[in-house]
Amino acid sequence: MIRCADCIVHTFLAEEQHIILQALTAHAKFQYRRKRTISKQKKKVEYTNAISKMILGKTITEKPAVKNVVALCAPVGAKLVKR
């Protein structure tokens, strides 16, 4: 598995998907950049949700207070792993 350097919570399976998801992550960060009052943990969940919506058309629901943030593995199989 490849760890994305530009991404906070995502782990990827392949390089092509890594590049695609890097772009999507940048887009998600841009969308949420102005929401400075949101806690860091909540932002992680929001980035994950934005990206999962773009890829899967689904939102991953996870409580912001939970320390084990759900990481979105590459769209192949769309596995969810806890770190």
N, C-alpha and C. Protein backbone atom coordinates (compact mmCIF):
# COMPACT_ATOMS: atom_id res chain seq x y z
N MET A 1 0.84 -1.19 0.00
CA MET A 1 0.00 0.00 0.00
C MET A 1 0.88 1.25 0.00
N ILE A 2 0.43 2.24 -0.73
CA ILE A 2 1.20 3.47 -0.84
C ILE A 2 0.55 4.53 0.04
N ARG A 3 1.34 5.18 0.83
CA ARG A 3 0.85 6.27 1.69
C ARG A 3 0.96 7.56 0.90
N CYS A 4 -0.13 8.32 0.85
CA CYS A 4 -0.12 9.58 0.11
C CYS A 4 0.47 10.67 0.99
N ALA A 5 1.52 11.31 0.51
CA ALA A 5 2.22 12.32 1.31
C ALA A 5 1.39 13.59 1.47
N ASP A 6 0.58 13.94 0.47
CA ASP A 6 -0.18 15.18 0.50
C ASP A 6 -1.52 15.04 1.22
N CYS A 7 -1.83 13.84 1.62
CA CYS A 7 -3.16 13.56 2.13
C CYS A 7 -3.10 13.22 3.61
N ILE A 8 -4.12 13.62 4.35
CA ILE A 8 -4.09 13.43 5.80
C ILE A 8 -4.45 12.00 6.19
N VAL A 9 -5.52 11.46 5.64
CA VAL A 9 -6.05 10.21 6.17
C VAL A 9 -6.18 9.06 5.18
N HIS A 10 -5.67 9.23 3.98
CA HIS A 10 -5.94 8.20 2.97
C HIS A 10 -4.76 7.28 2.71
N THR A 11 -5.06 6.05 2.43
CA THR A 11 -4.06 5.07 2.07
C THR A 11 -4.49 4.47 0.74
N PHE A 12 -3.57 4.36 -0.19
CA PHE A 12 -3.95 3.92 -1.52
C PHE A 12 -3.28 2.61 -1.91
N LEU A 13 -3.88 1.92 -2.85
CA LEU A 13 -3.39 0.62 -3.28
C LEU A 13 -2.49 0.69 -4.51
N ALA A 14 -2.73 1.64 -5.41
CA ALA A 14 -1.96 1.69 -6.65
C ALA A 14 -1.58 3.12 -7.01
N GLU A 15 -0.51 3.27 -7.79
CA GLU A 15 0.01 4.60 -8.09
C GLU A 15 -0.93 5.45 -8.93
N GLU A 16 -1.62 4.84 -9.91
CA GLU A 16 -2.54 5.64 -10.75
C GLU A 16 -3.64 6.23 -9.88
N GLN A 17 -4.19 5.40 -8.99
CA GLN A 17 -5.25 5.86 -8.11
C GLN A 17 -4.70 6.90 -7.15
N HIS A 18 -3.47 6.72 -6.74
CA HIS A 18 -2.79 7.67 -5.85
C HIS A 18 -2.79 9.06 -6.48
N ILE A 19 -2.44 9.13 -7.76
CA ILE A 19 -2.37 10.41 -8.47
C ILE A 19 -3.76 11.03 -8.61
N ILE A 20 -4.73 10.21 -8.99
CA ILE A 20 -6.11 10.69 -9.14
C ILE A 20 -6.64 11.20 -7.80
N LEU A 21 -6.44 10.42 -6.75
CA LEU A 21 -6.96 10.79 -5.44
C LEU A 21 -6.23 11.99 -4.85
N GLN A 22 -4.97 12.16 -5.24
CA GLN A 22 -4.21 13.34 -4.80
C GLN A 22 -4.91 14.60 -5.32
N ALA A 23 -5.32 14.55 -6.58
CA ALA A 23 -6.01 15.69 -7.19
C ALA A 23 -7.36 15.93 -6.51
N LEU A 24 -8.08 14.85 -6.24
CA LEU A 24 -9.38 14.97 -5.57
C LEU A 24 -9.22 15.51 -4.15
N THR A 25 -8.15 15.09 -3.48
CA THR A 25 -7.88 15.56 -2.13
C THR A 25 -7.60 17.05 -2.13
N ALA A 26 -6.81 17.50 -3.10
CA ALA A 26 -6.51 18.93 -3.22
C ALA A 26 -7.80 19.71 -3.43
N HIS A 27 -8.69 19.16 -4.24
CA HIS A 27 -9.98 19.79 -4.51
C HIS A 27 -10.82 19.86 -3.23
N ALA A 28 -10.84 18.77 -2.48
CA ALA A 28 -11.60 18.73 -1.22
C ALA A 28 -11.04 19.73 -0.22
N LYS A 29 -9.71 19.83 -0.14
CA LYS A 29 -9.07 20.78 0.77
C LYS A 29 -9.42 22.21 0.37
N PHE A 30 -9.45 22.47 -0.93
CA PHE A 30 -9.81 23.80 -1.43
C PHE A 30 -11.24 24.15 -1.02
N GLN A 31 -12.14 23.19 -1.14
CA GLN A 31 -13.54 23.42 -0.80
C GLN A 31 -13.73 23.74 0.68
N TYR A 32 -12.92 23.11 1.55
CA TYR A 32 -13.11 23.30 2.99
C TYR A 32 -12.11 24.29 3.61
N ARG A 33 -11.32 24.94 2.77
CA ARG A 33 -10.26 25.81 3.28
C ARG A 33 -10.79 26.95 4.15
N ARG A 34 -11.94 27.49 3.80
CA ARG A 34 -12.46 28.65 4.51
C ARG A 34 -13.11 28.31 5.85
N LYS A 35 -13.41 27.05 6.07
CA LYS A 35 -14.06 26.65 7.32
C LYS A 35 -13.03 26.49 8.44
N ARG A 36 -12.55 27.61 8.97
CA ARG A 36 -11.46 27.58 9.95
C ARG A 36 -11.94 27.19 11.35
N THR A 37 -13.22 27.30 11.58
CA THR A 37 -13.74 26.97 12.92
C THR A 37 -13.87 25.47 13.14
N ILE A 38 -13.83 24.70 12.06
CA ILE A 38 -13.97 23.25 12.17
C ILE A 38 -12.70 22.67 12.79
N SER A 39 -12.87 21.73 13.70
CA SER A 39 -11.71 21.10 14.34
C SER A 39 -10.95 20.25 13.33
N LYS A 40 -9.68 20.00 13.62
CA LYS A 40 -8.83 19.22 12.72
C LYS A 40 -9.40 17.82 12.47
N GLN A 41 -9.90 17.19 13.52
CA GLN A 41 -10.45 15.83 13.40
C GLN A 41 -11.67 15.83 12.48
N LYS A 42 -12.52 16.84 12.64
CA LYS A 42 -13.72 16.93 11.81
C LYS A 42 -13.34 17.17 10.35
N LYS A 43 -12.31 17.98 10.12
CA LYS A 43 -11.85 18.24 8.76
C LYS A 43 -11.39 16.96 8.09
N LYS A 44 -10.69 16.11 8.84
CA LYS A 44 -10.23 14.83 8.29
C LYS A 44 -11.43 14.02 7.79
N VAL A 45 -12.48 13.99 8.60
CA VAL A 45 -13.68 13.24 8.23
C VAL A 45 -14.34 13.87 7.01
N GLU A 46 -14.36 15.21 6.97
CA GLU A 46 -14.98 15.91 5.84
C GLU A 46 -14.21 15.66 4.54
N TYR A 47 -12.88 15.66 4.61
CA TYR A 47 -12.08 15.35 3.42
C TYR A 47 -12.39 13.93 2.94
N THR A 48 -12.44 13.00 3.88
CA THR A 48 -12.73 11.60 3.55
C THR A 48 -14.09 11.49 2.89
N ASN A 49 -15.07 12.19 3.45
CA ASN A 49 -16.42 12.16 2.89
C ASN A 49 -16.48 12.76 1.50
N ALA A 50 -15.79 13.88 1.30
CA ALA A 50 -15.80 14.54 -0.01
C ALA A 50 -15.21 13.63 -1.07
N ILE A 51 -14.11 12.97 -0.72
CA ILE A 51 -13.44 12.09 -1.68
C ILE A 51 -14.25 10.83 -1.92
N SER A 52 -14.82 10.28 -0.87
CA SER A 52 -15.63 9.06 -1.04
C SER A 52 -16.86 9.35 -1.88
N LYS A 53 -17.41 10.57 -1.76
CA LYS A 53 -18.56 10.95 -2.58
C LYS A 53 -18.15 11.02 -4.05
N MET A 54 -16.98 11.59 -4.31
CA MET A 54 -16.50 11.73 -5.68
C MET A 54 -16.24 10.38 -6.33
N ILE A 55 -15.73 9.44 -5.55
CA ILE A 55 -15.36 8.14 -6.10
C ILE A 55 -16.52 7.15 -6.07
N LEU A 56 -17.14 7.03 -4.93
CA LEU A 56 -18.13 5.97 -4.73
C LEU A 56 -19.57 6.45 -4.81
N GLY A 57 -19.74 7.77 -4.77
CA GLY A 57 -21.10 8.30 -4.67
C GLY A 57 -21.71 8.05 -3.31
N LYS A 58 -20.86 7.75 -2.33
CA LYS A 58 -21.34 7.46 -0.98
C LYS A 58 -20.57 8.32 0.03
N THR A 59 -21.17 8.53 1.17
CA THR A 59 -20.50 9.24 2.25
C THR A 59 -20.15 8.24 3.35
N ILE A 60 -18.93 8.33 3.84
CA ILE A 60 -18.53 7.49 4.96
C ILE A 60 -18.88 8.26 6.22
N THR A 61 -19.74 7.70 7.04
CA THR A 61 -20.14 8.40 8.26
C THR A 61 -19.29 7.90 9.43
N GLU A 62 -18.68 8.83 10.09
CA GLU A 62 -17.80 8.51 11.22
C GLU A 62 -17.84 9.69 12.18
N LYS A 63 -17.95 9.44 13.47
CA LYS A 63 -17.99 10.52 14.45
C LYS A 63 -16.65 11.26 14.45
N PRO A 64 -16.69 12.61 14.42
CA PRO A 64 -15.45 13.39 14.40
C PRO A 64 -14.54 13.13 15.60
N ALA A 65 -15.14 12.77 16.74
CA ALA A 65 -14.35 12.57 17.96
C ALA A 65 -13.56 11.26 17.96
N VAL A 66 -13.91 10.35 17.07
CA VAL A 66 -13.24 9.05 17.04
C VAL A 66 -11.80 9.21 16.57
N LYS A 67 -10.86 8.65 17.32
CA LYS A 67 -9.45 8.82 16.98
C LYS A 67 -9.04 7.96 15.79
N ASN A 68 -9.62 6.77 15.68
CA ASN A 68 -9.32 5.91 14.53
C ASN A 68 -10.11 6.40 13.32
N VAL A 69 -9.50 7.31 12.58
CA VAL A 69 -10.19 7.88 11.42
C VAL A 69 -10.28 6.81 10.34
N VAL A 70 -11.43 6.74 9.70
CA VAL A 70 -11.59 5.77 8.62
C VAL A 70 -10.78 6.24 7.43
N ALA A 71 -9.95 5.37 6.91
CA ALA A 71 -9.16 5.70 5.73
C ALA A 71 -9.80 5.03 4.53
N LEU A 72 -9.85 5.76 3.44
CA LEU A 72 -10.47 5.22 2.23
C LEU A 72 -9.41 4.56 1.38
N CYS A 73 -9.52 3.25 1.20
CA CYS A 73 -8.61 2.55 0.32
C CYS A 73 -9.09 2.73 -1.10
N ALA A 74 -8.19 2.57 -2.03
CA ALA A 74 -8.47 2.79 -3.44
C ALA A 74 -9.80 2.16 -3.86
N PRO A 75 -10.45 2.76 -4.87
CA PRO A 75 -11.78 2.34 -5.28
C PRO A 75 -11.94 0.85 -5.56
N VAL A 76 -10.85 0.17 -5.86
CA VAL A 76 -10.93 -1.27 -6.15
C VAL A 76 -11.37 -1.99 -4.88
N GLY A 77 -12.59 -2.47 -4.88
CA GLY A 77 -13.11 -3.15 -3.69
C GLY A 77 -13.64 -2.19 -2.64
N ALA A 78 -13.19 -0.94 -2.70
CA ALA A 78 -13.61 0.11 -1.77
C ALA A 78 -13.61 -0.37 -0.32
N LYS A 79 -12.48 -0.88 0.14
CA LYS A 79 -12.36 -1.37 1.51
C LYS A 79 -12.23 -0.20 2.48
N LEU A 80 -12.73 -0.40 3.68
CA LEU A 80 -12.55 0.60 4.73
C LEU A 80 -11.64 0.00 5.79
N VAL A 81 -10.60 0.73 6.16
CA VAL A 81 -9.70 0.22 7.18
C VAL A 81 -9.58 1.24 8.30
N LYS A 82 -9.37 0.74 9.52
CA LYS A 82 -9.13 1.64 10.65
C LYS A 82 -7.65 1.67 10.94
N ARG A 83 -7.14 2.89 11.15
CA ARG A 83 -5.73 3.04 11.46
C ARG A 83 -5.56 3.30 12.93
